[in-house]
Amino acid sequence: MIDIKGRAQMHTDRAGDPLDGLVNMFDLGIVLAVAFLIAALQAHNLTQVLTQAPKPTPAKHTITVKPNQSLVHLKAGSTQVPVNGGGKLGAVYQLPNGELVYVKNK
């Protein structure tokens, strides 16, 4: 049996809370993630890609006009006309510059 004398003193724990180190590791992980993100953006020059306005892509559509068809340029307006019936007379296409082209069947 161990004999404890009256002059023995209590010693405080100097190690601290073991979860304090876990919080510090979480903070380190956040800092490293942000650092890697910044490094990737600078390395691949993605900041220019993210800040530039999107470039308009050229239209790759072709309008084929048959010999019995004619082209009529239209200007868009706000007038609406009710249609009760009818049939297809042609097709309307929008060009890359915003202009409308009506291909009329004869």
C-alpha atoms as a PDB file:
ATOM      1  CA  MET A   1       0.000   0.000   0.000  1.00  0.00           C
ATOM      2  CA  ILE A   2       1.172   3.565  -0.773  1.00  0.00           C
ATOM      3  CA  ASP A   3       1.548   5.839   2.144  1.00  0.00           C
ATOM      4  CA  ILE A   4       0.598   9.494   1.447  1.00  0.00           C
ATOM      5  CA  LYS A   5       1.876  11.940   3.951  1.00  0.00           C
ATOM      6  CA  GLY A   6       0.175  15.157   4.855  1.00  0.00           C
ATOM      7  CA  ARG A   7       2.692  17.369   3.137  1.00  0.00           C
ATOM      8  CA  ALA A   8       1.880  16.001  -0.359  1.00  0.00           C
ATOM      9  CA  GLN A   9       0.613  18.711  -2.731  1.00  0.00           C
ATOM     10  CA  MET A  10      -1.747  18.656  -5.666  1.00  0.00           C
ATOM     11  CA  HIS A  11      -0.115  19.403  -9.004  1.00  0.00           C
ATOM     12  CA  THR A  12      -2.120  21.163 -11.714  1.00  0.00           C
ATOM     13  CA  ASP A  13      -2.458  19.557 -15.121  1.00  0.00           C
ATOM     14  CA  ARG A  14      -0.080  21.360 -17.500  1.00  0.00           C
ATOM     15  CA  ALA A  15      -1.181  19.519 -20.626  1.00  0.00           C
ATOM     16  CA  GLY A  16      -4.422  21.516 -21.069  1.00  0.00           C
ATOM     17  CA  ASP A  17      -7.505  20.419 -22.936  1.00  0.00           C
ATOM     18  CA  PRO A  18      -6.729  17.853 -25.652  1.00  0.00           C
ATOM     19  CA  LEU A  19      -9.484  19.296 -27.912  1.00  0.00           C
ATOM     20  CA  ASP A  20      -7.672  22.650 -28.142  1.00  0.00           C
ATOM     21  CA  GLY A  21      -5.259  21.111 -30.638  1.00  0.00           C
ATOM     22  CA  LEU A  22      -8.158  19.863 -32.770  1.00  0.00           C
ATOM     23  CA  VAL A  23      -9.570  23.389 -33.080  1.00  0.00           C
ATOM     24  CA  ASN A  24      -6.162  24.663 -34.140  1.00  0.00           C
ATOM     25  CA  MET A  25      -5.945  21.944 -36.825  1.00  0.00           C
ATOM     26  CA  PHE A  26      -9.375  23.001 -38.174  1.00  0.00           C
ATOM     27  CA  ASP A  27      -8.209  26.617 -38.428  1.00  0.00           C
ATOM     28  CA  LEU A  28      -5.049  25.494 -40.205  1.00  0.00           C
ATOM     29  CA  GLY A  29      -7.126  23.466 -42.684  1.00  0.00           C
ATOM     30  CA  ILE A  30      -9.275  26.497 -43.553  1.00  0.00           C
ATOM     31  CA  VAL A  31      -6.191  28.680 -44.079  1.00  0.00           C
ATOM     32  CA  LEU A  32      -4.552  26.042 -46.300  1.00  0.00           C
ATOM     33  CA  ALA A  33      -7.727  25.584 -48.389  1.00  0.00           C
ATOM     34  CA  VAL A  34      -7.960  29.320 -49.064  1.00  0.00           C
ATOM     35  CA  ALA A  35      -4.237  29.468 -49.876  1.00  0.00           C
ATOM     36  CA  PHE A  36      -4.534  26.600 -52.382  1.00  0.00           C
ATOM     37  CA  LEU A  37      -7.563  28.248 -53.989  1.00  0.00           C
ATOM     38  CA  ILE A  38      -5.712  31.534 -54.432  1.00  0.00           C
ATOM     39  CA  ALA A  39      -2.651  29.722 -55.804  1.00  0.00           C
ATOM     40  CA  ALA A  40      -4.800  27.799 -58.318  1.00  0.00           C
ATOM     41  CA  LEU A  41      -6.526  30.973 -59.497  1.00  0.00           C
ATOM     42  CA  GLN A  42      -3.223  32.727 -60.064  1.00  0.00           C
ATOM     43  CA  ALA A  43      -1.471  29.742 -61.626  1.00  0.00           C
ATOM     44  CA  HIS A  44      -4.107  29.050 -64.248  1.00  0.00           C
ATOM     45  CA  ASN A  45      -4.989  32.684 -64.816  1.00  0.00           C
ATOM     46  CA  LEU A  46      -8.609  31.944 -63.942  1.00  0.00           C
ATOM     47  CA  THR A  47      -9.145  35.424 -62.581  1.00  0.00           C
ATOM     48  CA  GLN A  48      -9.254  36.751 -66.143  1.00  0.00           C
ATOM     49  CA  VAL A  49     -11.730  34.070 -67.164  1.00  0.00           C
ATOM     50  CA  LEU A  50     -13.990  34.867 -64.202  1.00  0.00           C
ATOM     51  CA  THR A  51     -13.922  38.636 -64.729  1.00  0.00           C
ATOM     52  CA  GLN A  52     -14.288  38.805 -68.524  1.00  0.00           C
ATOM     53  CA  ALA A  53     -17.669  39.170 -70.173  1.00  0.00           C
ATOM     54  CA  PRO A  54     -18.674  36.133 -72.210  1.00  0.00           C
ATOM     55  CA  LYS A  55     -17.687  36.392 -75.849  1.00  0.00           C
ATOM     56  CA  PRO A  56     -20.540  36.012 -78.323  1.00  0.00           C
ATOM     57  CA  THR A  57     -20.232  32.831 -80.288  1.00  0.00           C
ATOM     58  CA  PRO A  58     -20.724  33.103 -84.022  1.00  0.00           C
ATOM     59  CA  ALA A  59     -23.875  31.466 -85.302  1.00  0.00           C
ATOM     60  CA  LYS A  60     -23.273  28.272 -87.206  1.00  0.00           C
ATOM     61  CA  HIS A  61     -26.737  28.095 -88.723  1.00  0.00           C
ATOM     62  CA  THR A  62     -27.248  28.179 -92.440  1.00  0.00           C
ATOM     63  CA  ILE A  63     -30.372  29.461 -94.107  1.00  0.00           C
ATOM     64  CA  THR A  64     -31.114  27.506 -97.250  1.00  0.00           C
ATOM     65  CA  VAL A  65     -33.387  29.250 -99.736  1.00  0.00           C
ATOM     66  CA  LYS A  66     -34.956  27.126-102.429  1.00  0.00           C
ATOM     67  CA  PRO A  67     -35.552  28.525-105.924  1.00  0.00           C
ATOM     68  CA  ASN A  68     -39.281  29.032-105.252  1.00  0.00           C
ATOM     69  CA  GLN A  69     -38.664  31.022-102.021  1.00  0.00           C
ATOM     70  CA  SER A  70     -37.779  34.676-101.415  1.00  0.00           C
ATOM     71  CA  LEU A  71     -36.183  36.593 -98.517  1.00  0.00           C
ATOM     72  CA  VAL A  72     -37.975  39.455 -96.788  1.00  0.00           C
ATOM     73  CA  HIS A  73     -36.249  41.512 -94.048  1.00  0.00           C
ATOM     74  CA  LEU A  74     -38.501  42.288 -91.079  1.00  0.00           C
ATOM     75  CA  LYS A  75     -38.291  44.800 -88.264  1.00  0.00           C
ATOM     76  CA  ALA A  76     -39.551  43.588 -84.914  1.00  0.00           C
ATOM     77  CA  GLY A  77     -42.472  45.521 -83.482  1.00  0.00           C
ATOM     78  CA  SER A  78     -44.754  45.342 -80.464  1.00  0.00           C
ATOM     79  CA  THR A  79     -47.970  44.885 -82.463  1.00  0.00           C
ATOM     80  CA  GLN A  80     -49.790  41.640 -81.755  1.00  0.00           C
ATOM     81  CA  VAL A  81     -52.346  40.263 -84.167  1.00  0.00           C
ATOM     82  CA  PRO A  82     -54.788  37.503 -83.149  1.00  0.00           C
ATOM     83  CA  VAL A  83     -54.711  34.531 -85.509  1.00  0.00           C
ATOM     84  CA  ASN A  84     -57.759  32.270 -85.788  1.00  0.00           C
ATOM     85  CA  GLY A  85     -56.442  29.848 -88.351  1.00  0.00           C
ATOM     86  CA  GLY A  86     -54.176  29.481 -91.320  1.00  0.00           C
ATOM     87  CA  GLY A  87     -51.160  27.579 -92.472  1.00  0.00           C
ATOM     88  CA  LYS A  88     -47.421  27.833 -92.663  1.00  0.00           C
ATOM     89  CA  LEU A  89     -46.254  30.432 -95.165  1.00  0.00           C
ATOM     90  CA  GLY A  90     -42.533  30.408 -94.396  1.00  0.00           C
ATOM     91  CA  ALA A  91     -40.015  30.636 -91.574  1.00  0.00           C
ATOM     92  CA  VAL A  92     -38.438  33.459 -89.560  1.00  0.00           C
ATOM     93  CA  TYR A  93     -34.751  33.323 -88.593  1.00  0.00           C
ATOM     94  CA  GLN A  94     -32.754  35.635 -86.355  1.00  0.00           C
ATOM     95  CA  LEU A  95     -29.263  36.516 -87.585  1.00  0.00           C
ATOM     96  CA  PRO A  96     -26.304  36.934 -85.174  1.00  0.00           C
ATOM     97  CA  ASN A  97     -26.605  40.734 -85.393  1.00  0.00           C
ATOM     98  CA  GLY A  98     -30.246  40.538 -84.202  1.00  0.00           C
ATOM     99  CA  GLU A  99     -31.846  41.085 -87.602  1.00  0.00           C
ATOM    100  CA  LEU A 100     -34.884  38.963 -88.472  1.00  0.00           C
ATOM    101  CA  VAL A 101     -35.158  37.255 -91.867  1.00  0.00           C
ATOM    102  CA  TYR A 102     -38.433  35.854 -93.153  1.00  0.00           C
ATOM    103  CA  VAL A 103     -38.144  33.081 -95.752  1.00  0.00           C
ATOM    104  CA  LYS A 104     -41.391  33.110 -97.666  1.00  0.00           C
ATOM    105  CA  ASN A 105     -42.695  30.099 -99.605  1.00  0.00           C
ATOM    106  CA  LYS A 106     -44.183  30.959-103.020  1.00  0.00           C
END
